[in-house]
Amino acid sequence: MIEFVEAAAREIENVKEEHRMVMEKVRRTAEYYHPGASKYNATQPLQLFVIVRDFEAMVD
């Protein structure tokens, strides 16, 4: 059981690091397309995907 817990703890740390990297890329992408957006959307960093979805709906 100890081995499982240790392996799970390592996996959780890996996932947390991946999450941090993805969120940083989302922030940088939002900042690239909408400068200053990260200051206003700090509480909703995934707002970028809503904007893209709405844009695609308008294009269709």
PDB file of N, CA and C in Angstrom:
ATOM      1  N   MET A   1       0.825  -1.195   0.000  1.00  0.00           N
ATOM      2  CA  MET A   1       0.000   0.000   0.000  1.00  0.00           C
ATOM      3  C   MET A   1       0.867   1.257   0.000  1.00  0.00           C
ATOM      4  N   ILE A   2       1.994   1.212   0.708  1.00  0.00           N
ATOM      5  CA  ILE A   2       2.886   2.370   0.771  1.00  0.00           C
ATOM      6  C   ILE A   2       3.425   2.701  -0.621  1.00  0.00           C
ATOM      7  N   GLU A   3       3.764   1.663  -1.402  1.00  0.00           N
ATOM      8  CA  GLU A   3       4.261   1.887  -2.760  1.00  0.00           C
ATOM      9  C   GLU A   3       3.208   2.581  -3.613  1.00  0.00           C
ATOM     10  N   PHE A   4       1.973   2.144  -3.471  1.00  0.00           N
ATOM     11  CA  PHE A   4       0.886   2.771  -4.236  1.00  0.00           C
ATOM     12  C   PHE A   4       0.736   4.243  -3.870  1.00  0.00           C
ATOM     13  N   VAL A   5       0.753   4.538  -2.594  1.00  0.00           N
ATOM     14  CA  VAL A   5       0.596   5.925  -2.137  1.00  0.00           C
ATOM     15  C   VAL A   5       1.750   6.784  -2.649  1.00  0.00           C
ATOM     16  N   GLU A   6       2.960   6.267  -2.604  1.00  0.00           N
ATOM     17  CA  GLU A   6       4.109   7.024  -3.093  1.00  0.00           C
ATOM     18  C   GLU A   6       4.012   7.266  -4.597  1.00  0.00           C
ATOM     19  N   ALA A   7       3.613   6.239  -5.346  1.00  0.00           N
ATOM     20  CA  ALA A   7       3.453   6.385  -6.794  1.00  0.00           C
ATOM     21  C   ALA A   7       2.335   7.367  -7.115  1.00  0.00           C
ATOM     22  N   ALA A   8       1.252   7.292  -6.378  1.00  0.00           N
ATOM     23  CA  ALA A   8       0.127   8.215  -6.592  1.00  0.00           C
ATOM     24  C   ALA A   8       0.532   9.646  -6.276  1.00  0.00           C
ATOM     25  N   ALA A   9       1.311   9.832  -5.225  1.00  0.00           N
ATOM     26  CA  ALA A   9       1.772  11.174  -4.859  1.00  0.00           C
ATOM     27  C   ALA A   9       2.658  11.750  -5.957  1.00  0.00           C
ATOM     28  N   ARG A  10       3.539  10.917  -6.535  1.00  0.00           N
ATOM     29  CA  ARG A  10       4.379  11.383  -7.644  1.00  0.00           C
ATOM     30  C   ARG A  10       3.526  11.749  -8.853  1.00  0.00           C
ATOM     31  N   GLU A  11       2.550  10.936  -9.143  1.00  0.00           N
ATOM     32  CA  GLU A  11       1.668  11.198 -10.280  1.00  0.00           C
ATOM     33  C   GLU A  11       0.875  12.493 -10.072  1.00  0.00           C
ATOM     34  N   ILE A  12       0.416  12.712  -8.871  1.00  0.00           N
ATOM     35  CA  ILE A  12      -0.319  13.953  -8.565  1.00  0.00           C
ATOM     36  C   ILE A  12       0.584  15.160  -8.769  1.00  0.00           C
ATOM     37  N   GLU A  13       1.819  15.067  -8.339  1.00  0.00           N
ATOM     38  CA  GLU A  13       2.755  16.175  -8.542  1.00  0.00           C
ATOM     39  C   GLU A  13       2.996  16.416 -10.022  1.00  0.00           C
ATOM     40  N   ASN A  14       3.105  15.349 -10.800  1.00  0.00           N
ATOM     41  CA  ASN A  14       3.280  15.492 -12.250  1.00  0.00           C
ATOM     42  C   ASN A  14       2.078  16.176 -12.882  1.00  0.00           C
ATOM     43  N   VAL A  15       0.889  15.785 -12.473  1.00  0.00           N
ATOM     44  CA  VAL A  15      -0.328  16.377 -13.016  1.00  0.00           C
ATOM     45  C   VAL A  15      -0.435  17.854 -12.616  1.00  0.00           C
ATOM     46  N   LYS A  16      -0.077  18.166 -11.399  1.00  0.00           N
ATOM     47  CA  LYS A  16      -0.102  19.569 -10.963  1.00  0.00           C
ATOM     48  C   LYS A  16       0.844  20.419 -11.803  1.00  0.00           C
ATOM     49  N   GLU A  17       2.020  19.902 -12.104  1.00  0.00           N
ATOM     50  CA  GLU A  17       2.991  20.625 -12.921  1.00  0.00           C
ATOM     51  C   GLU A  17       2.460  20.801 -14.346  1.00  0.00           C
ATOM     52  N   GLU A  18       1.869  19.756 -14.905  1.00  0.00           N
ATOM     53  CA  GLU A  18       1.283  19.864 -16.236  1.00  0.00           C
ATOM     54  C   GLU A  18       0.156  20.893 -16.245  1.00  0.00           C
ATOM     55  N   HIS A  19      -0.655  20.901 -15.211  1.00  0.00           N
ATOM     56  CA  HIS A  19      -1.745  21.878 -15.098  1.00  0.00           C
ATOM     57  C   HIS A  19      -1.188  23.292 -15.060  1.00  0.00           C
ATOM     58  N   ARG A  20      -0.132  23.495 -14.287  1.00  0.00           N
ATOM     59  CA  ARG A  20       0.484  24.808 -14.199  1.00  0.00           C
ATOM     60  C   ARG A  20       0.997  25.253 -15.569  1.00  0.00           C
ATOM     61  N   MET A  21       1.633  24.346 -16.305  1.00  0.00           N
ATOM     62  CA  MET A  21       2.173  24.690 -17.619  1.00  0.00           C
ATOM     63  C   MET A  21       1.051  25.013 -18.617  1.00  0.00           C
ATOM     64  N   VAL A  22      -0.014  24.230 -18.589  1.00  0.00           N
ATOM     65  CA  VAL A  22      -1.137  24.478 -19.499  1.00  0.00           C
ATOM     66  C   VAL A  22      -1.793  25.818 -19.193  1.00  0.00           C
ATOM     67  N   MET A  23      -2.006  26.104 -17.927  1.00  0.00           N
ATOM     68  CA  MET A  23      -2.639  27.370 -17.568  1.00  0.00           C
ATOM     69  C   MET A  23      -1.751  28.555 -17.938  1.00  0.00           C
ATOM     70  N   GLU A  24      -0.446  28.393 -17.843  1.00  0.00           N
ATOM     71  CA  GLU A  24       0.475  29.449 -18.266  1.00  0.00           C
ATOM     72  C   GLU A  24       0.362  29.670 -19.771  1.00  0.00           C
ATOM     73  N   LYS A  25       0.250  28.600 -20.536  1.00  0.00           N
ATOM     74  CA  LYS A  25       0.095  28.727 -21.990  1.00  0.00           C
ATOM     75  C   LYS A  25      -1.239  29.371 -22.341  1.00  0.00           C
ATOM     76  N   VAL A  26      -2.284  29.029 -21.611  1.00  0.00           N
ATOM     77  CA  VAL A  26      -3.586  29.662 -21.836  1.00  0.00           C
ATOM     78  C   VAL A  26      -3.490  31.151 -21.537  1.00  0.00           C
ATOM     79  N   ARG A  27      -2.839  31.502 -20.441  1.00  0.00           N
ATOM     80  CA  ARG A  27      -2.687  32.916 -20.087  1.00  0.00           C
ATOM     81  C   ARG A  27      -1.898  33.661 -21.158  1.00  0.00           C
ATOM     82  N   ARG A  28      -0.802  33.065 -21.626  1.00  0.00           N
ATOM     83  CA  ARG A  28       0.017  33.716 -22.639  1.00  0.00           C
ATOM     84  C   ARG A  28      -0.730  33.848 -23.959  1.00  0.00           C
ATOM     85  N   THR A  29      -1.521  32.840 -24.309  1.00  0.00           N
ATOM     86  CA  THR A  29      -2.305  32.909 -25.544  1.00  0.00           C
ATOM     87  C   THR A  29      -3.355  33.998 -25.452  1.00  0.00           C
ATOM     88  N   ALA A  30      -4.051  34.061 -24.339  1.00  0.00           N
ATOM     89  CA  ALA A  30      -5.057  35.109 -24.148  1.00  0.00           C
ATOM     90  C   ALA A  30      -4.403  36.485 -24.189  1.00  0.00           C
ATOM     91  N   GLU A  31      -3.233  36.607 -23.594  1.00  0.00           N
ATOM     92  CA  GLU A  31      -2.519  37.884 -23.590  1.00  0.00           C
ATOM     93  C   GLU A  31      -2.068  38.261 -25.003  1.00  0.00           C
ATOM     94  N   TYR A  32      -1.690  37.270 -25.794  1.00  0.00           N
ATOM     95  CA  TYR A  32      -1.256  37.529 -27.171  1.00  0.00           C
ATOM     96  C   TYR A  32      -2.408  38.068 -28.015  1.00  0.00           C
ATOM     97  N   TYR A  33      -3.571  37.428 -27.912  1.00  0.00           N
ATOM     98  CA  TYR A  33      -4.710  37.828 -28.738  1.00  0.00           C
ATOM     99  C   TYR A  33      -5.481  39.006 -28.166  1.00  0.00           C
ATOM    100  N   HIS A  34      -5.368  39.213 -26.873  1.00  0.00           N
ATOM    101  CA  HIS A  34      -6.093  40.312 -26.237  1.00  0.00           C
ATOM    102  C   HIS A  34      -5.217  40.884 -25.134  1.00  0.00           C
ATOM    103  N   PRO A  35      -4.299  41.785 -25.502  1.00  0.00           N
ATOM    104  CA  PRO A  35      -3.390  42.342 -24.491  1.00  0.00           C
ATOM    105  C   PRO A  35      -4.151  42.927 -23.299  1.00  0.00           C
ATOM    106  N   GLY A  36      -3.692  42.620 -22.128  1.00  0.00           N
ATOM    107  CA  GLY A  36      -4.340  43.093 -20.910  1.00  0.00           C
ATOM    108  C   GLY A  36      -5.437  42.166 -20.417  1.00  0.00           C
ATOM    109  N   ALA A  37      -5.754  41.139 -21.181  1.00  0.00           N
ATOM    110  CA  ALA A  37      -6.850  40.232 -20.811  1.00  0.00           C
ATOM    111  C   ALA A  37      -6.547  39.473 -19.531  1.00  0.00           C
ATOM    112  N   SER A  38      -5.298  39.132 -19.321  1.00  0.00           N
ATOM    113  CA  SER A  38      -4.978  38.339 -18.131  1.00  0.00           C
ATOM    114  C   SER A  38      -5.228  39.118 -16.844  1.00  0.00           C
ATOM    115  N   LYS A  39      -5.167  40.443 -16.908  1.00  0.00           N
ATOM    116  CA  LYS A  39      -5.441  41.253 -15.725  1.00  0.00           C
ATOM    117  C   LYS A  39      -6.920  41.210 -15.373  1.00  0.00           C
ATOM    118  N   TYR A  40      -7.776  41.196 -16.404  1.00  0.00           N
ATOM    119  CA  TYR A  40      -9.215  41.248 -16.179  1.00  0.00           C
ATOM    120  C   TYR A  40      -9.835  39.874 -16.001  1.00  0.00           C
ATOM    121  N   ASN A  41      -9.232  38.840 -16.586  1.00  0.00           N
ATOM    122  CA  ASN A  41      -9.799  37.497 -16.537  1.00  0.00           C
ATOM    123  C   ASN A  41      -9.009  36.560 -15.631  1.00  0.00           C
ATOM    124  N   ALA A  42      -8.363  37.102 -14.638  1.00  0.00           N
ATOM    125  CA  ALA A  42      -7.550  36.273 -13.750  1.00  0.00           C
ATOM    126  C   ALA A  42      -8.385  35.222 -13.034  1.00  0.00           C
ATOM    127  N   THR A  43      -9.642  35.531 -12.767  1.00  0.00           N
ATOM    128  CA  THR A  43     -10.491  34.569 -12.068  1.00  0.00           C
ATOM    129  C   THR A  43     -11.108  33.564 -13.028  1.00  0.00           C
ATOM    130  N   GLN A  44     -11.130  33.893 -14.344  1.00  0.00           N
ATOM    131  CA  GLN A  44     -11.691  32.990 -15.353  1.00  0.00           C
ATOM    132  C   GLN A  44     -10.727  32.869 -16.521  1.00  0.00           C
ATOM    133  N   PRO A  45      -9.619  32.174 -16.314  1.00  0.00           N
ATOM    134  CA  PRO A  45      -8.600  32.113 -17.361  1.00  0.00           C
ATOM    135  C   PRO A  45      -9.053  31.369 -18.612  1.00  0.00           C
ATOM    136  N   LEU A  46     -10.066  30.528 -18.502  1.00  0.00           N
ATOM    137  CA  LEU A  46     -10.521  29.765 -19.656  1.00  0.00           C
ATOM    138  C   LEU A  46     -11.549  30.521 -20.496  1.00  0.00           C
ATOM    139  N   GLN A  47     -11.766  31.789 -20.180  1.00  0.00           N
ATOM    140  CA  GLN A  47     -12.679  32.635 -20.946  1.00  0.00           C
ATOM    141  C   GLN A  47     -12.260  32.677 -22.413  1.00  0.00           C
ATOM    142  N   LEU A  48     -10.989  32.493 -22.691  1.00  0.00           N
ATOM    143  CA  LEU A  48     -10.474  32.481 -24.055  1.00  0.00           C
ATOM    144  C   LEU A  48     -11.245  31.471 -24.903  1.00  0.00           C
ATOM    145  N   PHE A  49     -11.542  30.306 -24.351  1.00  0.00           N
ATOM    146  CA  PHE A  49     -12.227  29.270 -25.116  1.00  0.00           C
ATOM    147  C   PHE A  49     -13.678  29.640 -25.395  1.00  0.00           C
ATOM    148  N   VAL A  50     -14.286  30.387 -24.524  1.00  0.00           N
ATOM    149  CA  VAL A  50     -15.650  30.870 -24.756  1.00  0.00           C
ATOM    150  C   VAL A  50     -15.647  31.857 -25.917  1.00  0.00           C
ATOM    151  N   ILE A  51     -14.649  32.720 -25.952  1.00  0.00           N
ATOM    152  CA  ILE A  51     -14.535  33.695 -27.033  1.00  0.00           C
ATOM    153  C   ILE A  51     -14.337  32.978 -28.365  1.00  0.00           C
ATOM    154  N   VAL A  52     -13.465  31.978 -28.393  1.00  0.00           N
ATOM    155  CA  VAL A  52     -13.225  31.215 -29.622  1.00  0.00           C
ATOM    156  C   VAL A  52     -14.495  30.496 -30.058  1.00  0.00           C
ATOM    157  N   ARG A  53     -15.209  29.900 -29.122  1.00  0.00           N
ATOM    158  CA  ARG A  53     -16.455  29.202 -29.452  1.00  0.00           C
ATOM    159  C   ARG A  53     -17.475  30.163 -30.047  1.00  0.00           C
ATOM    160  N   ASP A  54     -17.627  31.327 -29.440  1.00  0.00           N
ATOM    161  CA  ASP A  54     -18.568  32.317 -29.946  1.00  0.00           C
ATOM    162  C   ASP A  54     -18.169  32.794 -31.335  1.00  0.00           C
ATOM    163  N   PHE A  55     -16.882  32.983 -31.545  1.00  0.00           N
ATOM    164  CA  PHE A  55     -16.394  33.397 -32.859  1.00  0.00           C
ATOM    165  C   PHE A  55     -16.707  32.344 -33.904  1.00  0.00           C
ATOM    166  N   GLU A  56     -16.451  31.094 -33.580  1.00  0.00           N
ATOM    167  CA  GLU A  56     -16.738  30.008 -34.524  1.00  0.00           C
ATOM    168  C   GLU A  56     -18.238  29.929 -34.824  1.00  0.00           C
ATOM    169  N   ALA A  57     -19.068  30.163 -33.848  1.00  0.00           N
ATOM    170  CA  ALA A  57     -20.520  30.145 -34.075  1.00  0.00           C
ATOM    171  C   ALA A  57     -20.924  31.257 -35.038  1.00  0.00           C
ATOM    172  N   MET A  58     -20.303  32.428 -34.906  1.00  0.00           N
ATOM    173  CA  MET A  58     -20.608  33.529 -35.819  1.00  0.00           C
ATOM    174  C   MET A  58     -20.150  33.216 -37.239  1.00  0.00           C
ATOM    175  N   VAL A  59     -19.009  32.563 -37.369  1.00  0.00           N
ATOM    176  CA  VAL A  59     -18.475  32.223 -38.688  1.00  0.00           C
ATOM    177  C   VAL A  59     -19.376  31.203 -39.375  1.00  0.00           C
ATOM    178  N   ASP A  60     -19.878  30.253 -38.626  1.00  0.00           N
ATOM    179  CA  ASP A  60     -20.765  29.235 -39.210  1.00  0.00           C
ATOM    180  C   ASP A  60     -22.024  29.891 -39.675  1.00  0.00           C
TER     181      ASP A  60
END
